Amino acid sequence: MEKLLDRKIKIIWDFRGPTASHTAEHYLKHLKEFAEVEELKYDLEGLEHFSPTHSIAYLVVDEMELKEVRSILKPHRGQVYSGKI
């Protein structure tokens, strides 16, 4: 079991509408740049497409980085990430 502050958090931005896929792809470029400049602990970001009108861009951060990253990037939501890094 992971210690409370050793968790990985997936922060998520939802995009909806006919251009959701394109907008999420564009936003992902900015997330990658941010992760590189800020030297975040994990190098994991990505996209998920749920329908032609709903896509997300996400960034996985260490829980210790969450407060600062959240205040800068203003994600729509988040969840504990249980996948492999």
N, C-alpha and C. Protein backbone atom coordinates (compact mmCIF):
# COMPACT_ATOMS: atom_id res chain seq x y z
N MET A 1 0.84 -1.18 0.00
CA MET A 1 0.00 0.00 0.00
C MET A 1 0.88 1.25 0.00
N GLU A 2 0.54 2.18 -0.87
CA GLU A 2 1.35 3.40 -0.98
C GLU A 2 1.12 4.30 0.23
N LYS A 3 2.17 4.95 0.66
CA LYS A 3 2.03 5.95 1.71
C LYS A 3 1.24 7.11 1.13
N LEU A 4 0.56 7.81 2.00
CA LEU A 4 -0.34 8.88 1.56
C LEU A 4 0.35 9.87 0.63
N LEU A 5 1.56 10.33 0.96
CA LEU A 5 2.20 11.34 0.13
C LEU A 5 3.10 10.76 -0.95
N ASP A 6 3.08 9.44 -1.14
CA ASP A 6 3.83 8.82 -2.23
C ASP A 6 2.94 8.55 -3.42
N ARG A 7 1.71 8.99 -3.36
CA ARG A 7 0.77 8.68 -4.43
C ARG A 7 1.05 9.53 -5.68
N LYS A 8 0.64 8.97 -6.80
CA LYS A 8 0.70 9.68 -8.07
C LYS A 8 -0.72 10.16 -8.37
N ILE A 9 -0.84 11.40 -8.81
CA ILE A 9 -2.15 11.99 -9.08
C ILE A 9 -2.25 12.34 -10.56
N LYS A 10 -3.33 11.90 -11.18
CA LYS A 10 -3.61 12.21 -12.58
C LYS A 10 -4.52 13.43 -12.59
N ILE A 11 -3.97 14.56 -13.05
CA ILE A 11 -4.79 15.77 -13.14
C ILE A 11 -5.29 15.89 -14.57
N ILE A 12 -6.55 16.27 -14.71
CA ILE A 12 -7.28 16.11 -15.96
C ILE A 12 -7.94 17.41 -16.40
N TRP A 13 -7.87 17.63 -17.72
CA TRP A 13 -8.59 18.73 -18.37
C TRP A 13 -9.54 18.11 -19.37
N ASP A 14 -10.83 18.42 -19.22
CA ASP A 14 -11.86 17.91 -20.14
C ASP A 14 -12.10 18.92 -21.26
N PHE A 15 -12.25 18.40 -22.46
CA PHE A 15 -12.58 19.23 -23.61
C PHE A 15 -13.80 18.62 -24.28
N ARG A 16 -14.78 19.45 -24.58
CA ARG A 16 -16.03 18.97 -25.16
C ARG A 16 -16.38 19.79 -26.39
N GLY A 17 -17.12 19.17 -27.27
CA GLY A 17 -17.57 19.85 -28.48
C GLY A 17 -16.90 19.25 -29.71
N PRO A 18 -17.24 19.77 -30.88
CA PRO A 18 -16.74 19.20 -32.13
C PRO A 18 -15.22 19.29 -32.30
N THR A 19 -14.57 20.18 -31.58
CA THR A 19 -13.11 20.32 -31.70
C THR A 19 -12.38 19.77 -30.48
N ALA A 20 -13.06 18.96 -29.67
CA ALA A 20 -12.49 18.46 -28.42
C ALA A 20 -11.17 17.73 -28.64
N SER A 21 -11.12 16.86 -29.63
CA SER A 21 -9.90 16.08 -29.88
C SER A 21 -8.72 16.99 -30.23
N HIS A 22 -8.96 17.91 -31.14
CA HIS A 22 -7.90 18.83 -31.56
C HIS A 22 -7.44 19.71 -30.40
N THR A 23 -8.38 20.20 -29.62
CA THR A 23 -8.04 21.08 -28.50
C THR A 23 -7.23 20.32 -27.45
N ALA A 24 -7.62 19.08 -27.15
CA ALA A 24 -6.88 18.27 -26.18
C ALA A 24 -5.45 18.01 -26.66
N GLU A 25 -5.30 17.71 -27.95
CA GLU A 25 -3.96 17.48 -28.51
C GLU A 25 -3.10 18.73 -28.39
N HIS A 26 -3.67 19.88 -28.67
CA HIS A 26 -2.93 21.13 -28.56
C HIS A 26 -2.55 21.40 -27.09
N TYR A 27 -3.48 21.19 -26.17
CA TYR A 27 -3.21 21.44 -24.76
C TYR A 27 -2.13 20.50 -24.24
N LEU A 28 -2.10 19.28 -24.76
CA LEU A 28 -1.09 18.31 -24.34
C LEU A 28 0.32 18.83 -24.64
N LYS A 29 0.49 19.53 -25.74
CA LYS A 29 1.80 20.10 -26.07
C LYS A 29 2.25 21.05 -24.96
N HIS A 30 1.33 21.85 -24.46
CA HIS A 30 1.65 22.80 -23.40
C HIS A 30 1.95 22.07 -22.08
N LEU A 31 1.24 20.99 -21.81
CA LEU A 31 1.51 20.21 -20.60
C LEU A 31 2.90 19.60 -20.65
N LYS A 32 3.30 19.09 -21.80
CA LYS A 32 4.65 18.52 -21.95
C LYS A 32 5.71 19.58 -21.72
N GLU A 33 5.50 20.77 -22.29
CA GLU A 33 6.45 21.87 -22.09
C GLU A 33 6.54 22.24 -20.61
N PHE A 34 5.40 22.33 -19.96
CA PHE A 34 5.37 22.69 -18.55
C PHE A 34 6.13 21.65 -17.71
N ALA A 35 5.85 20.37 -17.95
CA ALA A 35 6.51 19.30 -17.18
C ALA A 35 8.01 19.35 -17.36
N GLU A 36 8.47 19.68 -18.56
CA GLU A 36 9.91 19.75 -18.81
C GLU A 36 10.53 20.96 -18.11
N VAL A 37 9.92 22.11 -18.25
CA VAL A 37 10.46 23.33 -17.65
C VAL A 37 10.47 23.24 -16.13
N GLU A 38 9.41 22.69 -15.55
CA GLU A 38 9.29 22.60 -14.09
C GLU A 38 10.01 21.38 -13.51
N GLU A 39 10.56 20.54 -14.38
CA GLU A 39 11.28 19.34 -13.95
C GLU A 39 10.45 18.51 -12.98
N LEU A 40 9.23 18.18 -13.40
CA LEU A 40 8.35 17.38 -12.56
C LEU A 40 8.92 15.97 -12.40
N LYS A 41 8.56 15.33 -11.31
CA LYS A 41 9.11 14.02 -10.96
C LYS A 41 8.80 12.97 -12.03
N TYR A 42 7.59 12.97 -12.54
CA TYR A 42 7.20 11.97 -13.53
C TYR A 42 7.09 12.62 -14.90
N ASP A 43 7.37 11.83 -15.90
CA ASP A 43 7.26 12.30 -17.28
C ASP A 43 6.13 11.52 -17.94
N LEU A 44 4.93 11.76 -17.48
CA LEU A 44 3.79 11.03 -18.01
C LEU A 44 2.64 11.99 -18.23
N GLU A 45 2.26 12.10 -19.46
CA GLU A 45 1.11 12.90 -19.85
C GLU A 45 0.47 12.19 -21.03
N GLY A 46 -0.77 12.54 -21.32
CA GLY A 46 -1.41 11.86 -22.43
C GLY A 46 -2.79 12.37 -22.74
N LEU A 47 -3.43 11.63 -23.65
CA LEU A 47 -4.77 11.96 -24.13
C LEU A 47 -5.66 10.73 -24.01
N GLU A 48 -6.94 10.97 -23.86
CA GLU A 48 -7.94 9.92 -23.97
C GLU A 48 -9.12 10.52 -24.72
N HIS A 49 -9.65 9.75 -25.65
CA HIS A 49 -10.80 10.20 -26.44
C HIS A 49 -11.98 9.29 -26.10
N PHE A 50 -13.03 9.86 -25.57
CA PHE A 50 -14.20 9.08 -25.14
C PHE A 50 -15.29 9.06 -26.19
N SER A 51 -15.37 10.10 -26.98
CA SER A 51 -16.35 10.19 -28.05
C SER A 51 -15.87 11.28 -29.01
N PRO A 52 -16.54 11.47 -30.13
CA PRO A 52 -16.11 12.55 -31.04
C PRO A 52 -16.23 13.94 -30.41
N THR A 53 -16.95 14.04 -29.31
CA THR A 53 -17.14 15.35 -28.68
C THR A 53 -16.64 15.43 -27.24
N HIS A 54 -15.86 14.45 -26.81
CA HIS A 54 -15.29 14.50 -25.45
C HIS A 54 -13.91 13.85 -25.43
N SER A 55 -12.91 14.66 -25.14
CA SER A 55 -11.53 14.20 -25.00
C SER A 55 -10.93 14.83 -23.76
N ILE A 56 -9.88 14.18 -23.24
CA ILE A 56 -9.17 14.76 -22.10
C ILE A 56 -7.68 14.79 -22.39
N ALA A 57 -7.02 15.74 -21.77
CA ALA A 57 -5.56 15.77 -21.69
C ALA A 57 -5.25 15.60 -20.20
N TYR A 58 -4.16 14.88 -19.89
CA TYR A 58 -3.84 14.69 -18.49
C TYR A 58 -2.33 14.72 -18.26
N LEU A 59 -2.00 14.95 -17.00
CA LEU A 59 -0.63 15.01 -16.54
C LEU A 59 -0.57 14.27 -15.20
N VAL A 60 0.39 13.37 -15.03
CA VAL A 60 0.55 12.66 -13.76
C VAL A 60 1.65 13.35 -12.97
N VAL A 61 1.31 13.70 -11.73
CA VAL A 61 2.26 14.39 -10.85
C VAL A 61 2.38 13.64 -9.53
N ASP A 62 3.49 13.85 -8.86
CA ASP A 62 3.67 13.36 -7.51
C ASP A 62 2.77 14.17 -6.59
N GLU A 63 2.20 13.52 -5.59
CA GLU A 63 1.28 14.23 -4.70
C GLU A 63 1.93 15.44 -4.03
N MET A 64 3.25 15.37 -3.79
CA MET A 64 3.95 16.51 -3.19
C MET A 64 3.98 17.72 -4.13
N GLU A 65 3.86 17.50 -5.43
CA GLU A 65 3.87 18.58 -6.42
C GLU A 65 2.47 19.11 -6.72
N LEU A 66 1.46 18.39 -6.27
CA LEU A 66 0.09 18.67 -6.68
C LEU A 66 -0.38 20.09 -6.38
N LYS A 67 -0.19 20.55 -5.17
CA LYS A 67 -0.72 21.86 -4.78
C LYS A 67 -0.19 22.96 -5.69
N GLU A 68 1.12 22.98 -5.92
CA GLU A 68 1.71 24.02 -6.76
C GLU A 68 1.26 23.90 -8.21
N VAL A 69 1.30 22.69 -8.75
CA VAL A 69 0.90 22.48 -10.15
C VAL A 69 -0.57 22.83 -10.33
N ARG A 70 -1.40 22.41 -9.40
CA ARG A 70 -2.84 22.71 -9.48
C ARG A 70 -3.11 24.20 -9.48
N SER A 71 -2.38 24.96 -8.66
CA SER A 71 -2.62 26.40 -8.59
C SER A 71 -2.17 27.11 -9.87
N ILE A 72 -1.19 26.56 -10.55
CA ILE A 72 -0.70 27.17 -11.79
C ILE A 72 -1.57 26.77 -12.98
N LEU A 73 -1.87 25.48 -13.11
CA LEU A 73 -2.51 24.97 -14.33
C LEU A 73 -4.03 24.87 -14.26
N LYS A 74 -4.61 24.90 -13.10
CA LYS A 74 -6.07 24.88 -12.92
C LYS A 74 -6.75 23.70 -13.64
N PRO A 75 -6.40 22.47 -13.27
CA PRO A 75 -7.07 21.32 -13.90
C PRO A 75 -8.55 21.28 -13.53
N HIS A 76 -9.34 20.59 -14.34
CA HIS A 76 -10.77 20.47 -14.09
C HIS A 76 -11.06 19.46 -12.98
N ARG A 77 -10.22 18.41 -12.91
CA ARG A 77 -10.44 17.38 -11.90
C ARG A 77 -9.18 16.53 -11.76
N GLY A 78 -9.21 15.59 -10.84
CA GLY A 78 -8.05 14.73 -10.64
C GLY A 78 -8.46 13.42 -10.02
N GLN A 79 -7.56 12.46 -10.06
CA GLN A 79 -7.80 11.16 -9.45
C GLN A 79 -6.47 10.51 -9.13
N VAL A 80 -6.48 9.58 -8.20
CA VAL A 80 -5.25 8.84 -7.90
C VAL A 80 -4.91 7.99 -9.11
N TYR A 81 -3.65 8.02 -9.50
CA TYR A 81 -3.18 7.27 -10.67
C TYR A 81 -2.58 5.96 -10.18
N SER A 82 -3.05 4.86 -10.74
CA SER A 82 -2.57 3.56 -10.30
C SER A 82 -1.80 2.81 -11.38
N GLY A 83 -1.57 3.45 -12.52
CA GLY A 83 -0.85 2.81 -13.60
C GLY A 83 0.65 2.83 -13.38
N LYS A 84 1.36 2.26 -14.30
CA LYS A 84 2.83 2.21 -14.24
C LYS A 84 3.41 3.51 -14.78
N ILE A 85 4.52 3.91 -14.20
CA ILE A 85 5.25 5.09 -14.66
C ILE A 85 6.42 4.62 -15.47
